[in-house]
Amino acid sequence: MAKQGQSTTSLEGLTVAARAATSATPAGKGLPPVHLWNPPFCGDLDMRIASDGTWFYMGTPIGRAALVRLFSTVLKREGDKYFLVTPVEKVGIRVDDAPFLAVEMVVEKEAGGRSLRFRTNVDDWVDCDAAHRLRFEAAADGGLTPYLHVRAELWAKVTRALYYDLVDMGEERMIDGEAMFGVTSSGEFFAMADAEQVRAAL
């Protein structure tokens, strides 16, 4: 038996279990249904997702992109904690900021405006819309850090370069009687900050 907070799960064992879980997902049906799995907690694994999106195991970066992609498909968030989940086990991991990084953006023109699509560092494509919203949080340097909702309670931090692209395409709108600066996608307006504050910062 593992002591509380410790896990007997090895990286190899978790890899095998994750592959089994994802291979059991019907072809073309998307990601494994981790939201339906509630296995027993097996302790914490020495795995960390850094703020730049790099995955570490026992302090060493996981260099295999395919392995990171595999683990990302069985990632689950419960409250402020993150877990890798299979039908038979759940292990805790640490996430410094957001578990994903939005590294590429495609702007598509539509009849009613534009649609923004983002690619994450694990090669998921996410359409920015009412179900996958952008939110902006104050950064330590006084600027803003955008986050994109990927799925469930999982978010991707948008890179600084893409943030500047969002600012370039931003516009002002009146929201509840207040002038706000933000960006539109798929018919939705995502407010960044008070328009007067943005003008003063430019």
N, C-alpha and C. Protein backbone atom coordinates (compact mmCIF):
# COMPACT_ATOMS: atom_id res chain seq x y z
N MET A 1 0.84 -1.20 0.00
CA MET A 1 0.00 0.00 0.00
C MET A 1 0.88 1.25 0.00
N ALA A 2 0.52 2.21 -0.80
CA ALA A 2 1.25 3.48 -0.81
C ALA A 2 0.77 4.35 0.34
N LYS A 3 1.68 5.12 0.92
CA LYS A 3 1.30 6.06 1.96
C LYS A 3 0.51 7.19 1.35
N GLN A 4 -0.28 7.85 2.19
CA GLN A 4 -1.07 8.98 1.71
C GLN A 4 -0.17 10.02 1.06
N GLY A 5 -0.55 10.46 -0.15
CA GLY A 5 0.23 11.46 -0.85
C GLY A 5 1.33 10.90 -1.71
N GLN A 6 1.55 9.56 -1.60
CA GLN A 6 2.56 8.93 -2.43
C GLN A 6 1.88 8.01 -3.44
N SER A 7 2.49 7.83 -4.58
CA SER A 7 1.91 7.00 -5.61
C SER A 7 2.86 5.88 -5.99
N THR A 8 2.29 4.67 -6.16
CA THR A 8 3.09 3.55 -6.63
C THR A 8 3.08 3.50 -8.15
N THR A 9 2.31 4.40 -8.77
CA THR A 9 2.21 4.41 -10.22
C THR A 9 3.50 4.93 -10.83
N SER A 10 4.08 4.17 -11.75
CA SER A 10 5.27 4.61 -12.45
C SER A 10 4.86 5.29 -13.74
N LEU A 11 5.82 6.00 -14.35
CA LEU A 11 5.53 6.65 -15.62
C LEU A 11 5.18 5.61 -16.67
N GLU A 12 5.88 4.49 -16.65
CA GLU A 12 5.62 3.43 -17.62
C GLU A 12 4.23 2.83 -17.41
N GLY A 13 3.88 2.58 -16.14
CA GLY A 13 2.57 2.01 -15.86
C GLY A 13 1.45 2.95 -16.24
N LEU A 14 1.64 4.24 -15.96
CA LEU A 14 0.63 5.23 -16.31
C LEU A 14 0.50 5.34 -17.83
N THR A 15 1.62 5.24 -18.53
CA THR A 15 1.59 5.31 -19.99
C THR A 15 0.77 4.17 -20.56
N VAL A 16 1.00 2.97 -20.06
CA VAL A 16 0.24 1.80 -20.53
C VAL A 16 -1.25 1.98 -20.25
N ALA A 17 -1.58 2.44 -19.03
CA ALA A 17 -2.98 2.63 -18.67
C ALA A 17 -3.64 3.71 -19.51
N ALA A 18 -2.90 4.80 -19.77
CA ALA A 18 -3.46 5.89 -20.57
C ALA A 18 -3.69 5.44 -22.01
N ARG A 19 -2.75 4.66 -22.54
CA ARG A 19 -2.92 4.15 -23.90
C ARG A 19 -4.13 3.22 -24.00
N ALA A 20 -4.30 2.39 -22.97
CA ALA A 20 -5.44 1.48 -22.96
C ALA A 20 -6.75 2.26 -22.90
N ALA A 21 -6.75 3.34 -22.10
CA ALA A 21 -7.97 4.15 -21.97
C ALA A 21 -8.31 4.87 -23.26
N THR A 22 -7.30 5.43 -23.92
CA THR A 22 -7.56 6.16 -25.15
C THR A 22 -7.89 5.22 -26.31
N SER A 23 -7.29 4.03 -26.33
CA SER A 23 -7.58 3.08 -27.42
C SER A 23 -8.99 2.52 -27.29
N ALA A 24 -9.55 2.55 -26.05
CA ALA A 24 -10.90 2.06 -25.84
C ALA A 24 -11.96 3.07 -26.28
N THR A 25 -11.52 4.31 -26.53
CA THR A 25 -12.44 5.33 -27.00
C THR A 25 -12.80 5.05 -28.46
N PRO A 26 -14.10 4.99 -28.79
CA PRO A 26 -14.50 4.70 -30.17
C PRO A 26 -13.85 5.66 -31.15
N ALA A 27 -13.38 5.15 -32.25
CA ALA A 27 -12.72 5.97 -33.28
C ALA A 27 -13.65 7.09 -33.73
N GLY A 28 -13.09 8.28 -33.81
CA GLY A 28 -13.86 9.43 -34.26
C GLY A 28 -14.73 10.06 -33.19
N LYS A 29 -14.67 9.53 -31.97
CA LYS A 29 -15.52 10.05 -30.90
C LYS A 29 -14.80 11.05 -30.01
N GLY A 30 -13.60 11.44 -30.40
CA GLY A 30 -12.90 12.47 -29.64
C GLY A 30 -12.09 11.93 -28.49
N LEU A 31 -11.98 12.75 -27.45
CA LEU A 31 -11.13 12.43 -26.31
C LEU A 31 -11.80 11.43 -25.37
N PRO A 32 -11.00 10.73 -24.55
CA PRO A 32 -11.58 9.80 -23.58
C PRO A 32 -12.53 10.53 -22.62
N PRO A 33 -13.60 9.89 -22.18
CA PRO A 33 -14.59 10.54 -21.30
C PRO A 33 -14.13 10.59 -19.84
N VAL A 34 -13.06 11.36 -19.58
CA VAL A 34 -12.50 11.39 -18.23
C VAL A 34 -13.51 11.92 -17.21
N HIS A 35 -14.48 12.74 -17.66
CA HIS A 35 -15.47 13.29 -16.74
C HIS A 35 -16.40 12.21 -16.18
N LEU A 36 -16.41 11.05 -16.83
CA LEU A 36 -17.24 9.95 -16.37
C LEU A 36 -16.49 8.98 -15.47
N TRP A 37 -15.18 9.16 -15.37
CA TRP A 37 -14.36 8.22 -14.61
C TRP A 37 -14.11 8.75 -13.20
N ASN A 38 -14.36 7.93 -12.21
CA ASN A 38 -14.12 8.29 -10.82
C ASN A 38 -13.41 7.15 -10.09
N PRO A 39 -12.19 6.83 -10.52
CA PRO A 39 -11.44 5.75 -9.89
C PRO A 39 -10.86 6.19 -8.55
N PRO A 40 -10.33 5.27 -7.76
CA PRO A 40 -9.71 5.65 -6.48
C PRO A 40 -8.45 6.48 -6.69
N PHE A 41 -8.22 7.42 -5.75
CA PHE A 41 -7.01 8.25 -5.79
C PHE A 41 -5.82 7.41 -5.37
N CYS A 42 -4.78 7.40 -6.19
CA CYS A 42 -3.60 6.58 -5.94
C CYS A 42 -2.40 7.37 -5.46
N GLY A 43 -2.59 8.64 -5.12
CA GLY A 43 -1.49 9.46 -4.65
C GLY A 43 -1.02 10.44 -5.69
N ASP A 44 0.00 11.21 -5.34
CA ASP A 44 0.55 12.22 -6.24
C ASP A 44 1.74 11.66 -7.00
N LEU A 45 1.81 12.02 -8.26
CA LEU A 45 2.93 11.65 -9.11
C LEU A 45 3.86 12.85 -9.21
N ASP A 46 5.17 12.61 -9.27
CA ASP A 46 6.13 13.71 -9.40
C ASP A 46 6.14 14.19 -10.84
N MET A 47 5.02 14.80 -11.24
CA MET A 47 4.87 15.34 -12.59
C MET A 47 4.36 16.76 -12.47
N ARG A 48 4.92 17.65 -13.29
CA ARG A 48 4.56 19.07 -13.22
C ARG A 48 4.46 19.65 -14.62
N ILE A 49 3.45 20.50 -14.80
CA ILE A 49 3.33 21.26 -16.04
C ILE A 49 3.76 22.69 -15.72
N ALA A 50 4.86 23.13 -16.31
CA ALA A 50 5.38 24.47 -16.05
C ALA A 50 4.53 25.52 -16.75
N SER A 51 4.75 26.77 -16.39
CA SER A 51 3.96 27.86 -16.95
C SER A 51 4.17 28.05 -18.45
N ASP A 52 5.30 27.51 -18.97
CA ASP A 52 5.53 27.61 -20.42
C ASP A 52 5.01 26.39 -21.17
N GLY A 53 4.25 25.54 -20.49
CA GLY A 53 3.65 24.37 -21.13
C GLY A 53 4.51 23.12 -21.12
N THR A 54 5.73 23.20 -20.60
CA THR A 54 6.62 22.03 -20.56
C THR A 54 6.18 21.07 -19.47
N TRP A 55 6.11 19.78 -19.81
CA TRP A 55 5.78 18.75 -18.84
C TRP A 55 7.07 18.16 -18.27
N PHE A 56 7.14 18.03 -16.95
CA PHE A 56 8.30 17.45 -16.28
C PHE A 56 7.89 16.19 -15.52
N TYR A 57 8.77 15.20 -15.52
CA TYR A 57 8.61 14.02 -14.68
C TYR A 57 9.87 13.85 -13.86
N MET A 58 9.71 13.88 -12.54
CA MET A 58 10.83 13.79 -11.61
C MET A 58 11.92 14.82 -11.94
N GLY A 59 11.46 16.03 -12.29
CA GLY A 59 12.36 17.14 -12.54
C GLY A 59 12.97 17.19 -13.93
N THR A 60 12.68 16.20 -14.76
CA THR A 60 13.24 16.13 -16.11
C THR A 60 12.14 16.38 -17.14
N PRO A 61 12.39 17.26 -18.13
CA PRO A 61 11.37 17.48 -19.16
C PRO A 61 11.03 16.20 -19.92
N ILE A 62 9.75 16.02 -20.19
CA ILE A 62 9.32 14.90 -21.02
C ILE A 62 9.50 15.32 -22.47
N GLY A 63 10.48 14.75 -23.12
CA GLY A 63 10.85 15.21 -24.46
C GLY A 63 10.00 14.64 -25.58
N ARG A 64 9.25 13.60 -25.30
CA ARG A 64 8.45 12.96 -26.35
C ARG A 64 7.10 13.64 -26.46
N ALA A 65 6.89 14.35 -27.57
CA ALA A 65 5.63 15.08 -27.77
C ALA A 65 4.43 14.14 -27.75
N ALA A 66 4.60 12.94 -28.30
CA ALA A 66 3.49 11.99 -28.35
C ALA A 66 3.07 11.56 -26.95
N LEU A 67 4.04 11.47 -26.04
CA LEU A 67 3.73 11.08 -24.67
C LEU A 67 3.00 12.20 -23.94
N VAL A 68 3.44 13.44 -24.15
CA VAL A 68 2.77 14.59 -23.55
C VAL A 68 1.33 14.67 -24.08
N ARG A 69 1.18 14.46 -25.38
CA ARG A 69 -0.15 14.47 -25.97
C ARG A 69 -1.04 13.40 -25.34
N LEU A 70 -0.49 12.21 -25.15
CA LEU A 70 -1.25 11.12 -24.55
C LEU A 70 -1.72 11.49 -23.15
N PHE A 71 -0.81 11.99 -22.32
CA PHE A 71 -1.19 12.36 -20.96
C PHE A 71 -2.21 13.49 -20.95
N SER A 72 -2.11 14.40 -21.90
CA SER A 72 -3.04 15.53 -21.93
C SER A 72 -4.47 15.08 -22.17
N THR A 73 -4.65 13.93 -22.82
CA THR A 73 -6.00 13.45 -23.12
C THR A 73 -6.69 12.85 -21.90
N VAL A 74 -5.91 12.52 -20.85
CA VAL A 74 -6.52 11.96 -19.64
C VAL A 74 -6.35 12.91 -18.45
N LEU A 75 -6.19 14.19 -18.76
CA LEU A 75 -6.05 15.22 -17.73
C LEU A 75 -7.42 15.67 -17.25
N LYS A 76 -7.55 15.82 -15.95
CA LYS A 76 -8.82 16.22 -15.36
C LYS A 76 -8.56 17.21 -14.23
N ARG A 77 -9.45 18.18 -14.11
CA ARG A 77 -9.34 19.16 -13.03
C ARG A 77 -10.52 19.02 -12.09
N GLU A 78 -10.23 19.02 -10.81
CA GLU A 78 -11.27 19.00 -9.78
C GLU A 78 -10.95 20.11 -8.79
N GLY A 79 -11.73 21.17 -8.83
CA GLY A 79 -11.42 22.33 -8.00
C GLY A 79 -10.13 22.98 -8.47
N ASP A 80 -9.16 23.13 -7.59
CA ASP A 80 -7.87 23.71 -7.94
C ASP A 80 -6.80 22.64 -8.17
N LYS A 81 -7.20 21.39 -8.19
CA LYS A 81 -6.23 20.30 -8.34
C LYS A 81 -6.38 19.61 -9.69
N TYR A 82 -5.25 19.08 -10.16
CA TYR A 82 -5.22 18.41 -11.45
C TYR A 82 -4.81 16.95 -11.27
N PHE A 83 -5.39 16.10 -12.11
CA PHE A 83 -5.15 14.67 -12.03
C PHE A 83 -5.01 14.08 -13.43
N LEU A 84 -4.25 13.00 -13.51
CA LEU A 84 -4.28 12.13 -14.68
C LEU A 84 -5.17 10.96 -14.30
N VAL A 85 -6.19 10.69 -15.13
CA VAL A 85 -7.23 9.74 -14.76
C VAL A 85 -7.40 8.67 -15.83
N THR A 86 -7.48 7.44 -15.40
CA THR A 86 -7.88 6.32 -16.25
C THR A 86 -9.09 5.68 -15.57
N PRO A 87 -9.73 4.71 -16.19
CA PRO A 87 -10.89 4.09 -15.53
C PRO A 87 -10.55 3.42 -14.20
N VAL A 88 -9.28 3.12 -13.93
CA VAL A 88 -8.94 2.35 -12.73
C VAL A 88 -8.07 3.11 -11.73
N GLU A 89 -7.53 4.28 -12.08
CA GLU A 89 -6.68 4.99 -11.14
C GLU A 89 -6.68 6.49 -11.41
N LYS A 90 -6.33 7.25 -10.38
CA LYS A 90 -6.24 8.70 -10.48
C LYS A 90 -5.02 9.15 -9.70
N VAL A 91 -4.13 9.89 -10.36
CA VAL A 91 -2.93 10.39 -9.70
C VAL A 91 -2.87 11.90 -9.84
N GLY A 92 -2.42 12.56 -8.78
CA GLY A 92 -2.33 14.01 -8.79
C GLY A 92 -1.05 14.50 -9.42
N ILE A 93 -1.12 15.62 -10.15
CA ILE A 93 0.05 16.27 -10.71
C ILE A 93 -0.03 17.76 -10.38
N ARG A 94 1.08 18.47 -10.56
CA ARG A 94 1.13 19.90 -10.29
C ARG A 94 1.08 20.68 -11.59
N VAL A 95 0.34 21.77 -11.57
CA VAL A 95 0.25 22.67 -12.73
C VAL A 95 0.57 24.07 -12.24
N ASP A 96 1.63 24.68 -12.78
CA ASP A 96 2.07 26.00 -12.32
C ASP A 96 1.09 27.12 -12.65
N ASP A 97 0.50 27.04 -13.84
CA ASP A 97 -0.42 28.09 -14.29
C ASP A 97 -1.61 27.42 -14.97
N ALA A 98 -1.61 27.39 -16.28
CA ALA A 98 -2.63 26.66 -17.03
C ALA A 98 -2.00 25.40 -17.62
N PRO A 99 -2.76 24.33 -17.79
CA PRO A 99 -2.16 23.09 -18.29
C PRO A 99 -1.77 23.13 -19.76
N PHE A 100 -2.36 24.04 -20.52
CA PHE A 100 -2.05 24.12 -21.94
C PHE A 100 -1.55 25.52 -22.31
N LEU A 101 -0.96 25.60 -23.49
CA LEU A 101 -0.49 26.87 -24.03
C LEU A 101 -1.07 27.02 -25.44
N ALA A 102 -1.70 28.16 -25.71
CA ALA A 102 -2.19 28.45 -27.06
C ALA A 102 -1.04 29.08 -27.85
N VAL A 103 -0.56 28.38 -28.88
CA VAL A 103 0.67 28.76 -29.55
C VAL A 103 0.47 29.26 -30.98
N GLU A 104 -0.73 29.09 -31.51
CA GLU A 104 -0.99 29.52 -32.89
C GLU A 104 -2.43 29.98 -33.00
N MET A 105 -2.65 31.01 -33.83
CA MET A 105 -4.01 31.52 -34.02
C MET A 105 -4.28 31.70 -35.51
N VAL A 106 -5.45 31.27 -35.92
CA VAL A 106 -5.90 31.44 -37.31
C VAL A 106 -7.15 32.30 -37.29
N VAL A 107 -7.18 33.32 -38.13
CA VAL A 107 -8.33 34.21 -38.23
C VAL A 107 -9.10 33.84 -39.49
N GLU A 108 -10.36 33.45 -39.30
CA GLU A 108 -11.20 33.07 -40.43
C GLU A 108 -12.34 34.07 -40.57
N LYS A 109 -12.54 34.54 -41.81
CA LYS A 109 -13.59 35.51 -42.06
C LYS A 109 -14.93 34.79 -42.21
N GLU A 110 -15.95 35.36 -41.59
CA GLU A 110 -17.30 34.82 -41.69
C GLU A 110 -18.25 35.92 -42.14
N ALA A 111 -19.46 35.51 -42.52
CA ALA A 111 -20.45 36.48 -42.99
C ALA A 111 -20.76 37.51 -41.91
N GLY A 112 -20.78 37.05 -40.66
CA GLY A 112 -21.12 37.98 -39.58
C GLY A 112 -19.92 38.54 -38.86
N GLY A 113 -18.73 38.33 -39.40
CA GLY A 113 -17.54 38.84 -38.73
C GLY A 113 -16.37 37.89 -38.90
N ARG A 114 -15.72 37.55 -37.80
CA ARG A 114 -14.56 36.66 -37.87
C ARG A 114 -14.65 35.60 -36.79
N SER A 115 -13.90 34.54 -37.03
CA SER A 115 -13.78 33.46 -36.07
C SER A 115 -12.30 33.21 -35.81
N LEU A 116 -11.95 33.09 -34.56
CA LEU A 116 -10.57 32.83 -34.16
C LEU A 116 -10.43 31.36 -33.77
N ARG A 117 -9.41 30.71 -34.32
CA ARG A 117 -9.11 29.32 -33.97
C ARG A 117 -7.69 29.28 -33.40
N PHE A 118 -7.55 28.55 -32.31
CA PHE A 118 -6.26 28.46 -31.65
C PHE A 118 -5.77 27.01 -31.63
N ARG A 119 -4.45 26.86 -31.81
CA ARG A 119 -3.83 25.54 -31.66
C ARG A 119 -3.05 25.53 -30.36
N THR A 120 -3.22 24.49 -29.58
CA THR A 120 -2.49 24.39 -28.32
C THR A 120 -1.17 23.66 -28.53
N ASN A 121 -0.37 23.65 -27.50
CA ASN A 121 0.94 23.00 -27.58
C ASN A 121 0.84 21.47 -27.65
N VAL A 122 -0.37 20.93 -27.47
CA VAL A 122 -0.55 19.48 -27.65
C VAL A 122 -1.39 19.19 -28.90
N ASP A 123 -1.43 20.20 -29.80
CA ASP A 123 -2.05 20.06 -31.12
C ASP A 123 -3.57 19.88 -31.10
N ASP A 124 -4.22 20.42 -30.09
CA ASP A 124 -5.67 20.53 -30.12
C ASP A 124 -6.03 21.85 -30.80
N TRP A 125 -7.04 21.83 -31.66
CA TRP A 125 -7.55 23.06 -32.26
C TRP A 125 -8.84 23.44 -31.55
N VAL A 126 -8.94 24.70 -31.12
CA VAL A 126 -10.08 25.16 -30.35
C VAL A 126 -10.65 26.40 -31.02
N ASP A 127 -11.94 26.36 -31.32
CA ASP A 127 -12.64 27.53 -31.86
C ASP A 127 -13.04 28.43 -30.70
N CYS A 128 -12.67 29.69 -30.79
CA CYS A 128 -13.03 30.66 -29.76
C CYS A 128 -14.47 31.10 -29.97
N ASP A 129 -15.35 30.70 -29.07
CA ASP A 129 -16.77 31.01 -29.22
C ASP A 129 -17.42 31.05 -27.84
N ALA A 130 -18.74 30.99 -27.82
CA ALA A 130 -19.45 31.09 -26.54
C ALA A 130 -19.10 29.94 -25.60
N ALA A 131 -18.78 28.78 -26.15
CA ALA A 131 -18.45 27.61 -25.32
C ALA A 131 -16.97 27.54 -24.99
N HIS A 132 -16.15 28.29 -25.73
CA HIS A 132 -14.70 28.29 -25.50
C HIS A 132 -14.24 29.75 -25.47
N ARG A 133 -14.40 30.33 -24.31
CA ARG A 133 -14.24 31.77 -24.18
C ARG A 133 -12.81 32.19 -23.89
N LEU A 134 -12.54 33.45 -24.18
CA LEU A 134 -11.30 34.09 -23.76
C LEU A 134 -11.55 34.86 -22.47
N ARG A 135 -10.63 34.76 -21.54
CA ARG A 135 -10.67 35.61 -20.36
C ARG A 135 -9.29 36.26 -20.20
N PHE A 136 -9.27 37.41 -19.58
CA PHE A 136 -8.02 38.17 -19.44
C PHE A 136 -7.79 38.47 -17.97
N GLU A 137 -6.59 38.16 -17.51
CA GLU A 137 -6.24 38.40 -16.11
C GLU A 137 -5.05 39.34 -16.03
N ALA A 138 -5.01 40.10 -14.96
CA ALA A 138 -3.90 41.04 -14.75
C ALA A 138 -2.60 40.27 -14.57
N ALA A 139 -1.56 40.68 -15.30
CA ALA A 139 -0.25 40.03 -15.21
C ALA A 139 0.63 40.78 -14.22
N ALA A 140 1.70 40.11 -13.79
CA ALA A 140 2.59 40.71 -12.80
C ALA A 140 3.27 41.97 -13.32
N ASP A 141 3.44 42.06 -14.65
CA ASP A 141 4.12 43.22 -15.23
C ASP A 141 3.16 44.38 -15.50
N GLY A 142 1.92 44.22 -15.06
CA GLY A 142 0.95 45.29 -15.25
C GLY A 142 0.11 45.14 -16.50
N GLY A 143 0.47 44.20 -17.37
CA GLY A 143 -0.31 43.95 -18.58
C GLY A 143 -1.42 42.95 -18.32
N LEU A 144 -1.83 42.28 -19.37
CA LEU A 144 -2.88 41.29 -19.28
C LEU A 144 -2.39 39.95 -19.82
N THR A 145 -2.90 38.87 -19.24
CA THR A 145 -2.61 37.53 -19.75
C THR A 145 -3.92 36.89 -20.18
N PRO A 146 -4.04 36.52 -21.46
CA PRO A 146 -5.27 35.89 -21.93
C PRO A 146 -5.23 34.38 -21.69
N TYR A 147 -6.42 33.83 -21.43
CA TYR A 147 -6.58 32.38 -21.30
C TYR A 147 -7.76 31.96 -22.16
N LEU A 148 -7.63 30.80 -22.79
CA LEU A 148 -8.68 30.26 -23.65
C LEU A 148 -9.22 28.98 -23.02
N HIS A 149 -10.55 28.91 -22.92
CA HIS A 149 -11.17 27.70 -22.39
C HIS A 149 -11.07 26.58 -23.42
N VAL A 150 -10.45 25.48 -23.04
CA VAL A 150 -10.25 24.36 -23.96
C VAL A 150 -11.37 23.33 -23.82
N ARG A 151 -11.53 22.80 -22.61
CA ARG A 151 -12.61 21.84 -22.34
C ARG A 151 -12.75 21.67 -20.83
N ALA A 152 -13.97 21.27 -20.42
CA ALA A 152 -14.25 21.08 -19.01
C ALA A 152 -13.70 22.27 -18.21
N GLU A 153 -12.83 22.02 -17.23
CA GLU A 153 -12.25 23.12 -16.45
C GLU A 153 -10.80 23.37 -16.85
N LEU A 154 -10.44 23.01 -18.04
CA LEU A 154 -9.05 23.13 -18.50
C LEU A 154 -8.90 24.33 -19.42
N TRP A 155 -7.84 25.12 -19.18
CA TRP A 155 -7.60 26.35 -19.93
C TRP A 155 -6.21 26.33 -20.55
N ALA A 156 -6.06 27.14 -21.57
CA ALA A 156 -4.75 27.34 -22.21
C ALA A 156 -4.34 28.79 -22.05
N LYS A 157 -3.12 29.01 -21.62
CA LYS A 157 -2.59 30.37 -21.58
C LYS A 157 -2.17 30.77 -22.99
N VAL A 158 -2.61 31.94 -23.42
CA VAL A 158 -2.28 32.42 -24.77
C VAL A 158 -0.90 33.09 -24.72
N THR A 159 -0.06 32.76 -25.68
CA THR A 159 1.30 33.29 -25.68
C THR A 159 1.28 34.82 -25.81
N ARG A 160 2.37 35.43 -25.38
CA ARG A 160 2.47 36.89 -25.43
C ARG A 160 2.36 37.42 -26.86
N ALA A 161 2.98 36.71 -27.82
CA ALA A 161 2.92 37.15 -29.22
C ALA A 161 1.47 37.17 -29.72
N LEU A 162 0.69 36.14 -29.37
CA LEU A 162 -0.70 36.10 -29.80
C LEU A 162 -1.53 37.15 -29.07
N TYR A 163 -1.16 37.44 -27.84
CA TYR A 163 -1.85 38.50 -27.10
C TYR A 163 -1.74 39.83 -27.84
N TYR A 164 -0.55 40.14 -28.34
CA TYR A 164 -0.37 41.38 -29.09
C TYR A 164 -1.22 41.37 -30.37
N ASP A 165 -1.34 40.21 -31.00
CA ASP A 165 -2.21 40.11 -32.17
C ASP A 165 -3.66 40.39 -31.80
N LEU A 166 -4.09 39.90 -30.64
CA LEU A 166 -5.46 40.15 -30.18
C LEU A 166 -5.66 41.64 -29.91
N VAL A 167 -4.67 42.28 -29.33
CA VAL A 167 -4.78 43.73 -29.06
C VAL A 167 -4.90 44.49 -30.38
N ASP A 168 -4.13 44.08 -31.38
CA ASP A 168 -4.16 44.77 -32.68
C ASP A 168 -5.54 44.71 -33.33
N MET A 169 -6.26 43.61 -33.10
CA MET A 169 -7.58 43.48 -33.72
C MET A 169 -8.71 43.86 -32.75
N GLY A 170 -8.33 44.45 -31.61
CA GLY A 170 -9.33 44.81 -30.61
C GLY A 170 -10.18 46.00 -31.01
N GLU A 171 -11.27 46.18 -30.30
CA GLU A 171 -12.21 47.28 -30.57
C GLU A 171 -12.91 47.65 -29.27
N GLU A 172 -13.53 48.81 -29.30
CA GLU A 172 -14.27 49.28 -28.13
C GLU A 172 -15.76 49.00 -28.31
N ARG A 173 -16.39 48.60 -27.20
CA ARG A 173 -17.84 48.40 -27.19
C ARG A 173 -18.38 48.84 -25.84
N MET A 174 -19.63 49.25 -25.86
CA MET A 174 -20.30 49.61 -24.61
C MET A 174 -20.90 48.34 -24.00
N ILE A 175 -20.46 48.02 -22.80
CA ILE A 175 -20.96 46.85 -22.08
C ILE A 175 -21.54 47.33 -20.75
N ASP A 176 -22.86 47.18 -20.62
CA ASP A 176 -23.55 47.63 -19.39
C ASP A 176 -23.22 49.09 -19.08
N GLY A 177 -23.21 49.91 -20.13
CA GLY A 177 -22.98 51.33 -19.96
C GLY A 177 -21.54 51.74 -19.78
N GLU A 178 -20.62 50.79 -19.92
CA GLU A 178 -19.20 51.09 -19.74
C GLU A 178 -18.44 50.77 -21.01
N ALA A 179 -17.54 51.65 -21.41
CA ALA A 179 -16.73 51.43 -22.61
C ALA A 179 -15.65 50.39 -22.30
N MET A 180 -15.69 49.28 -23.02
CA MET A 180 -14.73 48.20 -22.81
C MET A 180 -13.96 47.93 -24.10
N PHE A 181 -12.71 47.55 -23.93
CA PHE A 181 -11.87 47.18 -25.06
C PHE A 181 -11.77 45.65 -25.07
N GLY A 182 -11.95 45.06 -26.25
CA GLY A 182 -11.91 43.61 -26.33
C GLY A 182 -11.81 43.14 -27.76
N VAL A 183 -12.05 41.86 -27.96
CA VAL A 183 -11.92 41.25 -29.27
C VAL A 183 -13.15 40.38 -29.53
N THR A 184 -13.54 40.30 -30.80
CA THR A 184 -14.71 39.50 -31.17
C THR A 184 -14.30 38.22 -31.88
N SER A 185 -15.10 37.18 -31.67
CA SER A 185 -14.91 35.91 -32.38
C SER A 185 -16.22 35.14 -32.34
N SER A 186 -16.61 34.64 -33.48
CA SER A 186 -17.84 33.83 -33.60
C SER A 186 -19.05 34.53 -33.00
N GLY A 187 -19.13 35.84 -33.21
CA GLY A 187 -20.27 36.61 -32.74
C GLY A 187 -20.24 36.97 -31.27
N GLU A 188 -19.16 36.62 -30.56
CA GLU A 188 -19.03 36.93 -29.14
C GLU A 188 -17.97 38.02 -28.94
N PHE A 189 -18.22 38.87 -27.96
CA PHE A 189 -17.26 39.92 -27.60
C PHE A 189 -16.60 39.54 -26.28
N PHE A 190 -15.28 39.49 -26.28
CA PHE A 190 -14.53 39.12 -25.09
C PHE A 190 -13.77 40.35 -24.59
N ALA A 191 -14.25 40.91 -23.49
CA ALA A 191 -13.68 42.16 -22.97
C ALA A 191 -12.31 41.91 -22.34
N MET A 192 -11.37 42.77 -22.69
CA MET A 192 -10.03 42.70 -22.08
C MET A 192 -9.94 43.59 -20.84
N ALA A 193 -10.33 44.85 -21.02
CA ALA A 193 -10.17 45.81 -19.93
C ALA A 193 -10.99 47.05 -20.24
N ASP A 194 -11.04 47.94 -19.27
CA ASP A 194 -11.70 49.23 -19.46
C ASP A 194 -11.01 49.98 -20.59
N ALA A 195 -11.81 50.48 -21.52
CA ALA A 195 -11.26 51.11 -22.72
C ALA A 195 -10.37 52.31 -22.38
N GLU A 196 -10.75 53.10 -21.39
CA GLU A 196 -9.95 54.28 -21.03
C GLU A 196 -8.58 53.86 -20.51
N GLN A 197 -8.53 52.78 -19.73
CA GLN A 197 -7.25 52.29 -19.22
C GLN A 197 -6.37 51.79 -20.36
N VAL A 198 -6.99 51.15 -21.33
CA VAL A 198 -6.22 50.64 -22.46
C VAL A 198 -5.65 51.79 -23.27
N ARG A 199 -6.46 52.83 -23.49
CA ARG A 199 -5.98 53.99 -24.25
C ARG A 199 -4.82 54.66 -23.52
N ALA A 200 -4.91 54.73 -22.20
CA ALA A 200 -3.85 55.37 -21.44
C ALA A 200 -2.55 54.57 -21.47
N ALA A 201 -2.67 53.28 -21.65
CA ALA A 201 -1.49 52.42 -21.66
C ALA A 201 -0.81 52.38 -23.02
N LEU A 202 -1.51 52.77 -24.05
CA LEU A 202 -0.95 52.70 -25.40
C LEU A 202 -0.08 53.91 -25.70
